[in-house]
PDB file of N, CA and C in Angstrom:
ATOM      1  N   MET A   1      22.764   1.933 -10.046  1.00  0.00           N
ATOM      2  CA  MET A   1      22.858   1.220 -11.303  1.00  0.00           C
ATOM      3  C   MET A   1      22.712  -0.287 -11.132  1.00  0.00           C
ATOM      4  N   PRO A   2      23.331  -0.927 -10.116  1.00  0.00           N
ATOM      5  CA  PRO A   2      23.189  -2.370  -9.953  1.00  0.00           C
ATOM      6  C   PRO A   2      21.756  -2.790  -9.666  1.00  0.00           C
ATOM      7  N   ALA A   3      20.986  -1.971  -8.942  1.00  0.00           N
ATOM      8  CA  ALA A   3      19.593  -2.297  -8.657  1.00  0.00           C
ATOM      9  C   ALA A   3      18.790  -2.312  -9.958  1.00  0.00           C
ATOM     10  N   PHE A   4      19.081  -1.390 -10.848  1.00  0.00           N
ATOM     11  CA  PHE A   4      18.398  -1.325 -12.139  1.00  0.00           C
ATOM     12  C   PHE A   4      18.695  -2.581 -12.939  1.00  0.00           C
ATOM     13  N   THR A   5      19.939  -3.016 -12.948  1.00  0.00           N
ATOM     14  CA  THR A   5      20.318  -4.212 -13.693  1.00  0.00           C
ATOM     15  C   THR A   5      19.648  -5.451 -13.107  1.00  0.00           C
ATOM     16  N   SER A   6      19.577  -5.559 -11.798  1.00  0.00           N
ATOM     17  CA  SER A   6      18.933  -6.708 -11.196  1.00  0.00           C
ATOM     18  C   SER A   6      17.427  -6.720 -11.486  1.00  0.00           C
ATOM     19  N   LYS A   7      16.815  -5.546 -11.547  1.00  0.00           N
ATOM     20  CA  LYS A   7      15.399  -5.462 -11.906  1.00  0.00           C
ATOM     21  C   LYS A   7      15.174  -5.899 -13.336  1.00  0.00           C
ATOM     22  N   GLU A   8      16.094  -5.482 -14.223  1.00  0.00           N
ATOM     23  CA  GLU A   8      15.977  -5.897 -15.623  1.00  0.00           C
ATOM     24  C   GLU A   8      16.089  -7.401 -15.740  1.00  0.00           C
ATOM     25  N   LYS A   9      17.032  -7.995 -15.004  1.00  0.00           N
ATOM     26  CA  LYS A   9      17.217  -9.450 -15.038  1.00  0.00           C
ATOM     27  C   LYS A   9      15.986 -10.167 -14.472  1.00  0.00           C
ATOM     28  N   ALA A  10      15.436  -9.631 -13.403  1.00  0.00           N
ATOM     29  CA  ALA A  10      14.247 -10.248 -12.792  1.00  0.00           C
ATOM     30  C   ALA A  10      13.063 -10.165 -13.736  1.00  0.00           C
ATOM     31  N   LEU A  11      12.905  -9.016 -14.409  1.00  0.00           N
ATOM     32  CA  LEU A  11      11.819  -8.851 -15.358  1.00  0.00           C
ATOM     33  C   LEU A  11      11.984  -9.800 -16.543  1.00  0.00           C
ATOM     34  N   LYS A  12      13.182  -9.904 -17.041  1.00  0.00           N
ATOM     35  CA  LYS A  12      13.458 -10.802 -18.172  1.00  0.00           C
ATOM     36  C   LYS A  12      13.167 -12.258 -17.766  1.00  0.00           C
ATOM     37  N   LYS A  13      13.577 -12.621 -16.563  1.00  0.00           N
ATOM     38  CA  LYS A  13      13.332 -13.983 -16.076  1.00  0.00           C
ATOM     39  C   LYS A  13      11.833 -14.246 -15.908  1.00  0.00           C
ATOM     40  N   ALA A  14      11.097 -13.259 -15.383  1.00  0.00           N
ATOM     41  CA  ALA A  14       9.651 -13.409 -15.208  1.00  0.00           C
ATOM     42  C   ALA A  14       8.939 -13.561 -16.541  1.00  0.00           C
ATOM     43  N   CYS A  15       9.336 -12.770 -17.518  1.00  0.00           N
ATOM     44  CA  CYS A  15       8.733 -12.859 -18.852  1.00  0.00           C
ATOM     45  C   CYS A  15       9.040 -14.190 -19.524  1.00  0.00           C
ATOM     46  N   GLU A  16      10.253 -14.663 -19.339  1.00  0.00           N
ATOM     47  CA  GLU A  16      10.656 -15.967 -19.910  1.00  0.00           C
ATOM     48  C   GLU A  16       9.855 -17.094 -19.257  1.00  0.00           C
ATOM     49  N   LYS A  17       9.683 -17.021 -17.964  1.00  0.00           N
ATOM     50  CA  LYS A  17       8.910 -18.044 -17.229  1.00  0.00           C
ATOM     51  C   LYS A  17       7.456 -18.047 -17.713  1.00  0.00           C
ATOM     52  N   GLU A  18       6.898 -16.850 -17.914  1.00  0.00           N
ATOM     53  CA  GLU A  18       5.528 -16.735 -18.411  1.00  0.00           C
ATOM     54  C   GLU A  18       5.394 -17.365 -19.792  1.00  0.00           C
ATOM     55  N   ARG A  19       6.342 -17.084 -20.665  1.00  0.00           N
ATOM     56  CA  ARG A  19       6.312 -17.639 -22.021  1.00  0.00           C
ATOM     57  C   ARG A  19       6.415 -19.162 -21.996  1.00  0.00           C
ATOM     58  N   GLU A  20       7.325 -19.691 -21.161  1.00  0.00           N
ATOM     59  CA  GLU A  20       7.471 -21.146 -21.058  1.00  0.00           C
ATOM     60  C   GLU A  20       6.204 -21.803 -20.525  1.00  0.00           C
ATOM     61  N   THR A  21       5.587 -21.195 -19.551  1.00  0.00           N
ATOM     62  CA  THR A  21       4.368 -21.737 -18.976  1.00  0.00           C
ATOM     63  C   THR A  21       3.244 -21.780 -20.004  1.00  0.00           C
ATOM     64  N   ILE A  22       3.110 -20.708 -20.779  1.00  0.00           N
ATOM     65  CA  ILE A  22       2.058 -20.652 -21.806  1.00  0.00           C
ATOM     66  C   ILE A  22       2.304 -21.709 -22.879  1.00  0.00           C
ATOM     67  N   GLU A  23       3.542 -21.848 -23.310  1.00  0.00           N
ATOM     68  CA  GLU A  23       3.875 -22.852 -24.317  1.00  0.00           C
ATOM     69  C   GLU A  23       3.580 -24.263 -23.806  1.00  0.00           C
ATOM     70  N   ARG A  24       3.955 -24.535 -22.552  1.00  0.00           N
ATOM     71  CA  ARG A  24       3.713 -25.851 -21.989  1.00  0.00           C
ATOM     72  C   ARG A  24       2.214 -26.138 -21.891  1.00  0.00           C
ATOM     73  N   GLN A  25       1.442 -25.136 -21.506  1.00  0.00           N
ATOM     74  CA  GLN A  25      -0.010 -25.304 -21.387  1.00  0.00           C
ATOM     75  C   GLN A  25      -0.631 -25.521 -22.752  1.00  0.00           C
ATOM     76  N   GLN A  26      -0.153 -24.868 -23.772  1.00  0.00           N
ATOM     77  CA  GLN A  26      -0.679 -25.047 -25.126  1.00  0.00           C
ATOM     78  C   GLN A  26      -0.401 -26.469 -25.617  1.00  0.00           C
ATOM     79  N   LYS A  27       0.785 -26.997 -25.326  1.00  0.00           N
ATOM     80  CA  LYS A  27       1.091 -28.377 -25.714  1.00  0.00           C
ATOM     81  C   LYS A  27       0.157 -29.357 -25.026  1.00  0.00           C
ATOM     82  N   LEU A  28      -0.060 -29.136 -23.725  1.00  0.00           N
ATOM     83  CA  LEU A  28      -0.966 -30.023 -22.990  1.00  0.00           C
ATOM     84  C   LEU A  28      -2.391 -29.932 -23.524  1.00  0.00           C
ATOM     85  N   ASP A  29      -2.831 -28.729 -23.853  1.00  0.00           N
ATOM     86  CA  ASP A  29      -4.172 -28.550 -24.394  1.00  0.00           C
ATOM     87  C   ASP A  29      -4.344 -29.283 -25.719  1.00  0.00           C
ATOM     88  N   SER A  30      -3.382 -29.167 -26.600  1.00  0.00           N
ATOM     89  CA  SER A  30      -3.504 -29.823 -27.895  1.00  0.00           C
ATOM     90  C   SER A  30      -3.500 -31.344 -27.754  1.00  0.00           C
ATOM     91  N   ARG A  31      -2.657 -31.870 -26.860  1.00  0.00           N
ATOM     92  CA  ARG A  31      -2.660 -33.329 -26.630  1.00  0.00           C
ATOM     93  C   ARG A  31      -3.985 -33.768 -26.012  1.00  0.00           C
ATOM     94  N   GLY A  32      -4.492 -32.974 -25.082  1.00  0.00           N
ATOM     95  CA  GLY A  32      -5.755 -33.315 -24.423  1.00  0.00           C
ATOM     96  C   GLY A  32      -6.938 -33.336 -25.386  1.00  0.00           C
ATOM     97  N   LYS A  33      -6.966 -32.404 -26.312  1.00  0.00           N
ATOM     98  CA  LYS A  33      -8.051 -32.371 -27.287  1.00  0.00           C
ATOM     99  C   LYS A  33      -8.052 -33.623 -28.142  1.00  0.00           C
ATOM    100  N   GLY A  34      -6.884 -34.035 -28.572  1.00  0.00           N
ATOM    101  CA  GLY A  34      -6.788 -35.246 -29.378  1.00  0.00           C
ATOM    102  C   GLY A  34      -7.244 -36.483 -28.617  1.00  0.00           C
ATOM    103  N   LYS A  35      -6.831 -36.578 -27.372  1.00  0.00           N
ATOM    104  CA  LYS A  35      -7.211 -37.729 -26.560  1.00  0.00           C
ATOM    105  C   LYS A  35      -8.714 -37.741 -26.296  1.00  0.00           C
ATOM    106  N   GLN A  36      -9.302 -36.578 -26.055  1.00  0.00           N
ATOM    107  CA  GLN A  36     -10.735 -36.506 -25.793  1.00  0.00           C
ATOM    108  C   GLN A  36     -11.541 -36.959 -27.005  1.00  0.00           C
ATOM    109  N   GLU A  37     -11.124 -36.518 -28.178  1.00  0.00           N
ATOM    110  CA  GLU A  37     -11.845 -36.892 -29.395  1.00  0.00           C
ATOM    111  C   GLU A  37     -11.793 -38.396 -29.628  1.00  0.00           C
ATOM    112  N   LYS A  38     -10.671 -39.011 -29.326  1.00  0.00           N
ATOM    113  CA  LYS A  38     -10.508 -40.440 -29.546  1.00  0.00           C
ATOM    114  C   LYS A  38     -11.139 -41.290 -28.467  1.00  0.00           C
ATOM    115  N   SER A  39     -11.315 -40.737 -27.279  1.00  0.00           N
ATOM    116  CA  SER A  39     -11.771 -41.550 -26.155  1.00  0.00           C
ATOM    117  C   SER A  39     -13.283 -41.723 -26.091  1.00  0.00           C
ATOM    118  N   GLY A  40     -14.031 -40.968 -26.855  1.00  0.00           N
ATOM    119  CA  GLY A  40     -15.484 -41.110 -26.848  1.00  0.00           C
ATOM    120  C   GLY A  40     -16.144 -40.458 -25.651  1.00  0.00           C
ATOM    121  N   VAL A  41     -15.508 -39.433 -25.099  1.00  0.00           N
ATOM    122  CA  VAL A  41     -16.063 -38.696 -23.963  1.00  0.00           C
ATOM    123  C   VAL A  41     -17.283 -37.897 -24.449  1.00  0.00           C
ATOM    124  N   THR A  42     -18.315 -37.839 -23.614  1.00  0.00           N
ATOM    125  CA  THR A  42     -19.507 -37.100 -24.017  1.00  0.00           C
ATOM    126  C   THR A  42     -19.211 -35.617 -24.191  1.00  0.00           C
ATOM    127  N   LYS A  43     -20.041 -34.957 -24.982  1.00  0.00           N
ATOM    128  CA  LYS A  43     -19.819 -33.558 -25.294  1.00  0.00           C
ATOM    129  C   LYS A  43     -19.910 -32.674 -24.045  1.00  0.00           C
ATOM    130  N   ILE A  44     -20.835 -32.969 -23.153  1.00  0.00           N
ATOM    131  CA  ILE A  44     -20.975 -32.153 -21.945  1.00  0.00           C
ATOM    132  C   ILE A  44     -19.750 -32.280 -21.056  1.00  0.00           C
ATOM    133  N   MET A  45     -19.175 -33.468 -20.991  1.00  0.00           N
ATOM    134  CA  MET A  45     -17.965 -33.681 -20.190  1.00  0.00           C
ATOM    135  C   MET A  45     -16.773 -32.969 -20.844  1.00  0.00           C
ATOM    136  N   MET A  46     -16.687 -33.015 -22.153  1.00  0.00           N
ATOM    137  CA  MET A  46     -15.596 -32.304 -22.854  1.00  0.00           C
ATOM    138  C   MET A  46     -15.681 -30.816 -22.599  1.00  0.00           C
ATOM    139  N   ASN A  47     -16.909 -30.260 -22.597  1.00  0.00           N
ATOM    140  CA  ASN A  47     -17.081 -28.833 -22.339  1.00  0.00           C
ATOM    141  C   ASN A  47     -16.658 -28.485 -20.907  1.00  0.00           C
ATOM    142  N   THR A  48     -17.002 -29.338 -19.949  1.00  0.00           N
ATOM    143  CA  THR A  48     -16.619 -29.111 -18.578  1.00  0.00           C
ATOM    144  C   THR A  48     -15.099 -29.118 -18.425  1.00  0.00           C
ATOM    145  N   LEU A  49     -14.458 -30.098 -19.021  1.00  0.00           N
ATOM    146  CA  LEU A  49     -13.005 -30.189 -18.962  1.00  0.00           C
ATOM    147  C   LEU A  49     -12.347 -28.984 -19.622  1.00  0.00           C
ATOM    148  N   ARG A  50     -12.901 -28.558 -20.765  1.00  0.00           N
ATOM    149  CA  ARG A  50     -12.346 -27.398 -21.466  1.00  0.00           C
ATOM    150  C   ARG A  50     -12.474 -26.138 -20.601  1.00  0.00           C
ATOM    151  N   ASN A  51     -13.640 -25.963 -19.983  1.00  0.00           N
ATOM    152  CA  ASN A  51     -13.839 -24.788 -19.126  1.00  0.00           C
ATOM    153  C   ASN A  51     -12.871 -24.777 -17.953  1.00  0.00           C
ATOM    154  N   ASN A  52     -12.656 -25.934 -17.338  1.00  0.00           N
ATOM    155  CA  ASN A  52     -11.706 -26.031 -16.236  1.00  0.00           C
ATOM    156  C   ASN A  52     -10.300 -25.670 -16.700  1.00  0.00           C
ATOM    157  N   ALA A  53      -9.926 -26.171 -17.866  1.00  0.00           N
ATOM    158  CA  ALA A  53      -8.586 -25.885 -18.411  1.00  0.00           C
ATOM    159  C   ALA A  53      -8.442 -24.386 -18.711  1.00  0.00           C
ATOM    160  N   GLU A  54      -9.468 -23.782 -19.271  1.00  0.00           N
ATOM    161  CA  GLU A  54      -9.410 -22.354 -19.571  1.00  0.00           C
ATOM    162  C   GLU A  54      -9.268 -21.527 -18.305  1.00  0.00           C
ATOM    163  N   ASN A  55      -9.995 -21.927 -17.242  1.00  0.00           N
ATOM    164  CA  ASN A  55      -9.916 -21.194 -15.986  1.00  0.00           C
ATOM    165  C   ASN A  55      -8.517 -21.302 -15.365  1.00  0.00           C
ATOM    166  N   SER A  56      -7.943 -22.502 -15.393  1.00  0.00           N
ATOM    167  CA  SER A  56      -6.616 -22.662 -14.799  1.00  0.00           C
ATOM    168  C   SER A  56      -5.551 -21.910 -15.611  1.00  0.00           C
ATOM    169  N   THR A  57      -5.705 -21.922 -16.922  1.00  0.00           N
ATOM    170  CA  THR A  57      -4.768 -21.185 -17.772  1.00  0.00           C
ATOM    171  C   THR A  57      -4.861 -19.681 -17.519  1.00  0.00           C
ATOM    172  N   ALA A  58      -6.083 -19.187 -17.337  1.00  0.00           N
ATOM    173  CA  ALA A  58      -6.271 -17.771 -17.061  1.00  0.00           C
ATOM    174  C   ALA A  58      -5.642 -17.390 -15.729  1.00  0.00           C
ATOM    175  N   LYS A  59      -5.767 -18.262 -14.732  1.00  0.00           N
ATOM    176  CA  LYS A  59      -5.169 -17.984 -13.409  1.00  0.00           C
ATOM    177  C   LYS A  59      -3.642 -17.921 -13.534  1.00  0.00           C
ATOM    178  N   LEU A  60      -3.063 -18.878 -14.247  1.00  0.00           N
ATOM    179  CA  LEU A  60      -1.605 -18.867 -14.428  1.00  0.00           C
ATOM    180  C   LEU A  60      -1.136 -17.604 -15.128  1.00  0.00           C
ATOM    181  N   LYS A  61      -1.881 -17.221 -16.159  1.00  0.00           N
ATOM    182  CA  LYS A  61      -1.489 -16.034 -16.928  1.00  0.00           C
ATOM    183  C   LYS A  61      -1.567 -14.791 -16.060  1.00  0.00           C
ATOM    184  N   SER A  62      -2.616 -14.690 -15.239  1.00  0.00           N
ATOM    185  CA  SER A  62      -2.748 -13.498 -14.399  1.00  0.00           C
ATOM    186  C   SER A  62      -1.651 -13.446 -13.336  1.00  0.00           C
ATOM    187  N   ILE A  63      -1.258 -14.603 -12.814  1.00  0.00           N
ATOM    188  CA  ILE A  63      -0.177 -14.632 -11.839  1.00  0.00           C
ATOM    189  C   ILE A  63       1.120 -14.116 -12.436  1.00  0.00           C
ATOM    190  N   HIS A  64       1.444 -14.590 -13.634  1.00  0.00           N
ATOM    191  CA  HIS A  64       2.681 -14.163 -14.275  1.00  0.00           C
ATOM    192  C   HIS A  64       2.617 -12.686 -14.679  1.00  0.00           C
ATOM    193  N   THR A  65       1.462 -12.232 -15.086  1.00  0.00           N
ATOM    194  CA  THR A  65       1.307 -10.843 -15.457  1.00  0.00           C
ATOM    195  C   THR A  65       1.491  -9.937 -14.238  1.00  0.00           C
ATOM    196  N   GLU A  66       0.937 -10.359 -13.112  1.00  0.00           N
ATOM    197  CA  GLU A  66       1.091  -9.582 -11.874  1.00  0.00           C
ATOM    198  C   GLU A  66       2.547  -9.513 -11.440  1.00  0.00           C
ATOM    199  N   LYS A  67       3.253 -10.644 -11.530  1.00  0.00           N
ATOM    200  CA  LYS A  67       4.662 -10.649 -11.160  1.00  0.00           C
ATOM    201  C   LYS A  67       5.474  -9.686 -12.042  1.00  0.00           C
ATOM    202  N   ALA A  68       5.269  -9.783 -13.348  1.00  0.00           N
ATOM    203  CA  ALA A  68       5.990  -8.908 -14.248  1.00  0.00           C
ATOM    204  C   ALA A  68       5.619  -7.437 -14.017  1.00  0.00           C
ATOM    205  N   GLY A  69       4.369  -7.192 -13.736  1.00  0.00           N
ATOM    206  CA  GLY A  69       3.926  -5.812 -13.479  1.00  0.00           C
ATOM    207  C   GLY A  69       4.523  -5.246 -12.204  1.00  0.00           C
ATOM    208  N   SER A  70       4.627  -6.080 -11.178  1.00  0.00           N
ATOM    209  CA  SER A  70       5.229  -5.594  -9.909  1.00  0.00           C
ATOM    210  C   SER A  70       6.717  -5.324 -10.080  1.00  0.00           C
ATOM    211  N   ILE A  71       7.377  -6.112 -10.906  1.00  0.00           N
ATOM    212  CA  ILE A  71       8.793  -5.888 -11.147  1.00  0.00           C
ATOM    213  C   ILE A  71       9.000  -4.593 -11.939  1.00  0.00           C
ATOM    214  N   ARG A  72       8.126  -4.365 -12.923  1.00  0.00           N
ATOM    215  CA  ARG A  72       8.210  -3.128 -13.725  1.00  0.00           C
ATOM    216  C   ARG A  72       8.043  -1.883 -12.867  1.00  0.00           C
ATOM    217  N   ASP A  73       7.170  -1.981 -11.871  1.00  0.00           N
ATOM    218  CA  ASP A  73       6.907  -0.821 -11.019  1.00  0.00           C
ATOM    219  C   ASP A  73       8.134  -0.569 -10.145  1.00  0.00           C
TER     220      ASP A  73
END
């Protein structure tokens, strides 16, 4: 029974960490979009920056998903 409880706590903590990371990334993305529009950055550079941000966000999400999945198993 104690092992089950510790797994539940670990899963809950992993899910909470994933949610916090996603929220933090969304805040950064929204601030970055506003700054890019005001700074006069060229469209091609904005697309490159957006693609890089999307790739890093996807990596973070997959890492958290894998952690939660391994705990569930």
